[in-house]
Amino acid sequence: MEKAEIVLNWIEDTYGTPEELAKILDYGIEMLFYLEEGSFEQKEVQNVVAAIRGIVVRLRTM
């Protein structure tokens, strides 16, 4: 299995589609620009952090 296929399978298993992961990451970028207390729910921020962490971990193992 190629690395790209492994990453795509992980994305699909974890987030459903690459587009869904892209939405989460776009939301994270938006959060970083406007992050103030009360701007976003804590769970929303945690979801974005988890997505970014997942990408970092996967990329480091490639």
PDB file of N, CA and C in Angstrom:
ATOM      1  N   MET A   1       0.852  -1.177   0.000  1.00  0.00           N
ATOM      2  CA  MET A   1       0.000   0.000   0.000  1.00  0.00           C
ATOM      3  C   MET A   1       0.901   1.244   0.000  1.00  0.00           C
ATOM      4  N   GLU A   2       0.601   2.191  -0.870  1.00  0.00           N
ATOM      5  CA  GLU A   2       1.377   3.425  -0.947  1.00  0.00           C
ATOM      6  C   GLU A   2       1.035   4.339   0.226  1.00  0.00           C
ATOM      7  N   LYS A   3       1.972   5.223   0.548  1.00  0.00           N
ATOM      8  CA  LYS A   3       1.762   6.149   1.674  1.00  0.00           C
ATOM      9  C   LYS A   3       0.532   7.015   1.446  1.00  0.00           C
ATOM     10  N   ALA A   4       0.351   7.485   0.235  1.00  0.00           N
ATOM     11  CA  ALA A   4      -0.812   8.331  -0.057  1.00  0.00           C
ATOM     12  C   ALA A   4      -2.112   7.572   0.186  1.00  0.00           C
ATOM     13  N   GLU A   5      -2.132   6.307  -0.169  1.00  0.00           N
ATOM     14  CA  GLU A   5      -3.319   5.486   0.044  1.00  0.00           C
ATOM     15  C   GLU A   5      -3.571   5.272   1.537  1.00  0.00           C
ATOM     16  N   ILE A   6      -2.504   5.080   2.297  1.00  0.00           N
ATOM     17  CA  ILE A   6      -2.630   4.922   3.751  1.00  0.00           C
ATOM     18  C   ILE A   6      -3.224   6.176   4.368  1.00  0.00           C
ATOM     19  N   VAL A   7      -2.710   7.329   3.954  1.00  0.00           N
ATOM     20  CA  VAL A   7      -3.213   8.602   4.495  1.00  0.00           C
ATOM     21  C   VAL A   7      -4.675   8.790   4.103  1.00  0.00           C
ATOM     22  N   LEU A   8      -5.018   8.515   2.856  1.00  0.00           N
ATOM     23  CA  LEU A   8      -6.403   8.656   2.414  1.00  0.00           C
ATOM     24  C   LEU A   8      -7.325   7.724   3.196  1.00  0.00           C
ATOM     25  N   ASN A   9      -6.891   6.488   3.413  1.00  0.00           N
ATOM     26  CA  ASN A   9      -7.697   5.552   4.209  1.00  0.00           C
ATOM     27  C   ASN A   9      -7.885   6.066   5.630  1.00  0.00           C
ATOM     28  N   TRP A  10      -6.830   6.607   6.230  1.00  0.00           N
ATOM     29  CA  TRP A  10      -6.931   7.154   7.581  1.00  0.00           C
ATOM     30  C   TRP A  10      -7.909   8.326   7.615  1.00  0.00           C
ATOM     31  N   ILE A  11      -7.808   9.212   6.619  1.00  0.00           N
ATOM     32  CA  ILE A  11      -8.722  10.360   6.553  1.00  0.00           C
ATOM     33  C   ILE A  11     -10.163   9.868   6.458  1.00  0.00           C
ATOM     34  N   GLU A  12     -10.404   8.914   5.586  1.00  0.00           N
ATOM     35  CA  GLU A  12     -11.768   8.405   5.404  1.00  0.00           C
ATOM     36  C   GLU A  12     -12.270   7.683   6.653  1.00  0.00           C
ATOM     37  N   ASP A  13     -11.403   6.908   7.306  1.00  0.00           N
ATOM     38  CA  ASP A  13     -11.799   6.198   8.524  1.00  0.00           C
ATOM     39  C   ASP A  13     -12.087   7.155   9.670  1.00  0.00           C
ATOM     40  N   THR A  14     -11.322   8.237   9.739  1.00  0.00           N
ATOM     41  CA  THR A  14     -11.427   9.155  10.864  1.00  0.00           C
ATOM     42  C   THR A  14     -12.433  10.281  10.634  1.00  0.00           C
ATOM     43  N   TYR A  15     -12.466  10.835   9.417  1.00  0.00           N
ATOM     44  CA  TYR A  15     -13.275  12.026   9.140  1.00  0.00           C
ATOM     45  C   TYR A  15     -14.353  11.808   8.089  1.00  0.00           C
ATOM     46  N   GLY A  16     -14.397  10.656   7.461  1.00  0.00           N
ATOM     47  CA  GLY A  16     -15.403  10.371   6.450  1.00  0.00           C
ATOM     48  C   GLY A  16     -14.927  10.667   5.043  1.00  0.00           C
ATOM     49  N   THR A  17     -14.525  11.896   4.814  1.00  0.00           N
ATOM     50  CA  THR A  17     -14.037  12.295   3.489  1.00  0.00           C
ATOM     51  C   THR A  17     -12.920  13.323   3.653  1.00  0.00           C
ATOM     52  N   PRO A  18     -12.067  13.462   2.650  1.00  0.00           N
ATOM     53  CA  PRO A  18     -11.064  14.527   2.703  1.00  0.00           C
ATOM     54  C   PRO A  18     -11.706  15.917   2.807  1.00  0.00           C
ATOM     55  N   GLU A  19     -12.866  16.067   2.188  1.00  0.00           N
ATOM     56  CA  GLU A  19     -13.567  17.353   2.242  1.00  0.00           C
ATOM     57  C   GLU A  19     -13.981  17.696   3.671  1.00  0.00           C
ATOM     58  N   GLU A  20     -14.413  16.674   4.436  1.00  0.00           N
ATOM     59  CA  GLU A  20     -14.808  16.917   5.834  1.00  0.00           C
ATOM     60  C   GLU A  20     -13.601  17.337   6.669  1.00  0.00           C
ATOM     61  N   LEU A  21     -12.472  16.676   6.458  1.00  0.00           N
ATOM     62  CA  LEU A  21     -11.256  17.075   7.163  1.00  0.00           C
ATOM     63  C   LEU A  21     -10.864  18.492   6.764  1.00  0.00           C
ATOM     64  N   ALA A  22     -10.974  18.811   5.488  1.00  0.00           N
ATOM     65  CA  ALA A  22     -10.650  20.170   5.028  1.00  0.00           C
ATOM     66  C   ALA A  22     -11.545  21.206   5.702  1.00  0.00           C
ATOM     67  N   LYS A  23     -12.839  20.881   5.877  1.00  0.00           N
ATOM     68  CA  LYS A  23     -13.750  21.797   6.564  1.00  0.00           C
ATOM     69  C   LYS A  23     -13.305  22.031   7.998  1.00  0.00           C
ATOM     70  N   ILE A  24     -12.909  20.965   8.677  1.00  0.00           N
ATOM     71  CA  ILE A  24     -12.463  21.093  10.067  1.00  0.00           C
ATOM     72  C   ILE A  24     -11.209  21.954  10.142  1.00  0.00           C
ATOM     73  N   LEU A  25     -10.272  21.721   9.237  1.00  0.00           N
ATOM     74  CA  LEU A  25      -9.031  22.504   9.249  1.00  0.00           C
ATOM     75  C   LEU A  25      -9.284  23.962   8.881  1.00  0.00           C
ATOM     76  N   ASP A  26     -10.182  24.220   7.931  1.00  0.00           N
ATOM     77  CA  ASP A  26     -10.549  25.601   7.603  1.00  0.00           C
ATOM     78  C   ASP A  26     -11.167  26.293   8.813  1.00  0.00           C
ATOM     79  N   TYR A  27     -11.999  25.556   9.522  1.00  0.00           N
ATOM     80  CA  TYR A  27     -12.622  26.095  10.732  1.00  0.00           C
ATOM     81  C   TYR A  27     -11.541  26.431  11.764  1.00  0.00           C
ATOM     82  N   GLY A  28     -10.534  25.565  11.855  1.00  0.00           N
ATOM     83  CA  GLY A  28      -9.421  25.817  12.777  1.00  0.00           C
ATOM     84  C   GLY A  28      -8.665  27.081  12.432  1.00  0.00           C
ATOM     85  N   ILE A  29      -8.442  27.307  11.162  1.00  0.00           N
ATOM     86  CA  ILE A  29      -7.766  28.531  10.733  1.00  0.00           C
ATOM     87  C   ILE A  29      -8.591  29.741  11.138  1.00  0.00           C
ATOM     88  N   GLU A  30      -9.888  29.663  10.911  1.00  0.00           N
ATOM     89  CA  GLU A  30     -10.780  30.760  11.307  1.00  0.00           C
ATOM     90  C   GLU A  30     -10.708  30.996  12.818  1.00  0.00           C
ATOM     91  N   MET A  31     -10.687  29.916  13.595  1.00  0.00           N
ATOM     92  CA  MET A  31     -10.604  30.038  15.047  1.00  0.00           C
ATOM     93  C   MET A  31      -9.341  30.763  15.481  1.00  0.00           C
ATOM     94  N   LEU A  32      -8.241  30.435  14.846  1.00  0.00           N
ATOM     95  CA  LEU A  32      -6.976  31.047  15.247  1.00  0.00           C
ATOM     96  C   LEU A  32      -6.982  32.552  15.032  1.00  0.00           C
ATOM     97  N   PHE A  33      -7.693  33.025  14.026  1.00  0.00           N
ATOM     98  CA  PHE A  33      -7.760  34.465  13.785  1.00  0.00           C
ATOM     99  C   PHE A  33      -8.670  35.183  14.779  1.00  0.00           C
ATOM    100  N   TYR A  34      -9.699  34.507  15.237  1.00  0.00           N
ATOM    101  CA  TYR A  34     -10.720  35.167  16.055  1.00  0.00           C
ATOM    102  C   TYR A  34     -10.893  34.563  17.434  1.00  0.00           C
ATOM    103  N   LEU A  35      -9.917  33.796  17.880  1.00  0.00           N
ATOM    104  CA  LEU A  35     -10.075  33.090  19.142  1.00  0.00           C
ATOM    105  C   LEU A  35     -10.101  34.072  20.315  1.00  0.00           C
ATOM    106  N   GLU A  36     -11.247  34.184  20.882  1.00  0.00           N
ATOM    107  CA  GLU A  36     -11.480  34.969  22.089  1.00  0.00           C
ATOM    108  C   GLU A  36     -12.401  34.142  22.965  1.00  0.00           C
ATOM    109  N   GLU A  37     -12.353  34.384  24.233  1.00  0.00           N
ATOM    110  CA  GLU A  37     -13.224  33.638  25.138  1.00  0.00           C
ATOM    111  C   GLU A  37     -14.673  33.801  24.701  1.00  0.00           C
ATOM    112  N   GLY A  38     -15.350  32.687  24.563  1.00  0.00           N
ATOM    113  CA  GLY A  38     -16.744  32.709  24.172  1.00  0.00           C
ATOM    114  C   GLY A  38     -16.994  32.687  22.672  1.00  0.00           C
ATOM    115  N   SER A  39     -15.938  32.781  21.860  1.00  0.00           N
ATOM    116  CA  SER A  39     -16.126  32.790  20.403  1.00  0.00           C
ATOM    117  C   SER A  39     -16.536  31.427  19.874  1.00  0.00           C
ATOM    118  N   PHE A  40     -15.963  30.374  20.416  1.00  0.00           N
ATOM    119  CA  PHE A  40     -16.227  29.018  19.979  1.00  0.00           C
ATOM    120  C   PHE A  40     -16.422  28.140  21.204  1.00  0.00           C
ATOM    121  N   GLU A  41     -17.162  27.066  21.023  1.00  0.00           N
ATOM    122  CA  GLU A  41     -17.328  26.096  22.089  1.00  0.00           C
ATOM    123  C   GLU A  41     -16.001  25.355  22.299  1.00  0.00           C
ATOM    124  N   GLN A  42     -15.722  24.984  23.527  1.00  0.00           N
ATOM    125  CA  GLN A  42     -14.485  24.276  23.836  1.00  0.00           C
ATOM    126  C   GLN A  42     -14.369  22.993  23.014  1.00  0.00           C
ATOM    127  N   LYS A  43     -15.457  22.281  22.841  1.00  0.00           N
ATOM    128  CA  LYS A  43     -15.449  21.030  22.068  1.00  0.00           C
ATOM    129  C   LYS A  43     -15.082  21.297  20.610  1.00  0.00           C
ATOM    130  N   GLU A  44     -15.518  22.410  20.051  1.00  0.00           N
ATOM    131  CA  GLU A  44     -15.165  22.755  18.674  1.00  0.00           C
ATOM    132  C   GLU A  44     -13.664  22.972  18.536  1.00  0.00           C
ATOM    133  N   VAL A  45     -13.099  23.681  19.472  1.00  0.00           N
ATOM    134  CA  VAL A  45     -11.653  23.916  19.453  1.00  0.00           C
ATOM    135  C   VAL A  45     -10.911  22.593  19.622  1.00  0.00           C
ATOM    136  N   GLN A  46     -11.378  21.753  20.524  1.00  0.00           N
ATOM    137  CA  GLN A  46     -10.736  20.459  20.748  1.00  0.00           C
ATOM    138  C   GLN A  46     -10.794  19.579  19.498  1.00  0.00           C
ATOM    139  N   ASN A  47     -11.884  19.624  18.756  1.00  0.00           N
ATOM    140  CA  ASN A  47     -12.000  18.844  17.526  1.00  0.00           C
ATOM    141  C   ASN A  47     -10.965  19.287  16.494  1.00  0.00           C
ATOM    142  N   VAL A  48     -10.768  20.579  16.381  1.00  0.00           N
ATOM    143  CA  VAL A  48      -9.779  21.100  15.436  1.00  0.00           C
ATOM    144  C   VAL A  48      -8.374  20.698  15.870  1.00  0.00           C
ATOM    145  N   VAL A  49      -8.077  20.832  17.141  1.00  0.00           N
ATOM    146  CA  VAL A  49      -6.766  20.450  17.658  1.00  0.00           C
ATOM    147  C   VAL A  49      -6.525  18.961  17.424  1.00  0.00           C
ATOM    148  N   ALA A  50      -7.529  18.140  17.650  1.00  0.00           N
ATOM    149  CA  ALA A  50      -7.385  16.702  17.426  1.00  0.00           C
ATOM    150  C   ALA A  50      -7.109  16.389  15.958  1.00  0.00           C
ATOM    151  N   ALA A  51      -7.769  17.095  15.056  1.00  0.00           N
ATOM    152  CA  ALA A  51      -7.533  16.888  13.630  1.00  0.00           C
ATOM    153  C   ALA A  51      -6.112  17.263  13.248  1.00  0.00           C
ATOM    154  N   ILE A  52      -5.658  18.400  13.720  1.00  0.00           N
ATOM    155  CA  ILE A  52      -4.292  18.839  13.420  1.00  0.00           C
ATOM    156  C   ILE A  52      -3.281  17.875  14.022  1.00  0.00           C
ATOM    157  N   ARG A  53      -3.509  17.451  15.257  1.00  0.00           N
ATOM    158  CA  ARG A  53      -2.611  16.497  15.907  1.00  0.00           C
ATOM    159  C   ARG A  53      -2.575  15.185  15.121  1.00  0.00           C
ATOM    160  N   GLY A  54      -3.721  14.711  14.672  1.00  0.00           N
ATOM    161  CA  GLY A  54      -3.777  13.485  13.896  1.00  0.00           C
ATOM    162  C   GLY A  54      -2.968  13.576  12.619  1.00  0.00           C
ATOM    163  N   ILE A  55      -3.055  14.697  11.941  1.00  0.00           N
ATOM    164  CA  ILE A  55      -2.275  14.906  10.718  1.00  0.00           C
ATOM    165  C   ILE A  55      -0.788  14.914  11.039  1.00  0.00           C
ATOM    166  N   VAL A  56      -0.405  15.613  12.074  1.00  0.00           N
ATOM    167  CA  VAL A  56       1.007  15.684  12.462  1.00  0.00           C
ATOM    168  C   VAL A  56       1.547  14.298  12.779  1.00  0.00           C
ATOM    169  N   VAL A  57       0.811  13.534  13.568  1.00  0.00           N
ATOM    170  CA  VAL A  57       1.270  12.185  13.948  1.00  0.00           C
ATOM    171  C   VAL A  57       1.401  11.314  12.709  1.00  0.00           C
ATOM    172  N   ARG A  58       0.413  11.346  11.822  1.00  0.00           N
ATOM    173  CA  ARG A  58       0.474  10.520  10.618  1.00  0.00           C
ATOM    174  C   ARG A  58       1.624  10.916   9.717  1.00  0.00           C
ATOM    175  N   LEU A  59       1.820  12.198   9.553  1.00  0.00           N
ATOM    176  CA  LEU A  59       2.912  12.656   8.678  1.00  0.00           C
ATOM    177  C   LEU A  59       4.283  12.263   9.241  1.00  0.00           C
ATOM    178  N   ARG A  60       4.415  12.292  10.533  1.00  0.00           N
ATOM    179  CA  ARG A  60       5.696  11.923  11.144  1.00  0.00           C
ATOM    180  C   ARG A  60       5.989  10.440  11.016  1.00  0.00           C
ATOM    181  N   THR A  61       4.976   9.617  10.857  1.00  0.00           N
ATOM    182  CA  THR A  61       5.178   8.180  10.738  1.00  0.00           C
ATOM    183  C   THR A  61       5.336   7.722   9.296  1.00  0.00           C
ATOM    184  N   MET A  62       5.252   8.642   8.355  1.00  0.00           N
ATOM    185  CA  MET A  62       5.370   8.284   6.931  1.00  0.00           C
ATOM    186  C   MET A  62       6.820   8.139   6.523  1.00  0.00           C
TER     187      MET A  62
END
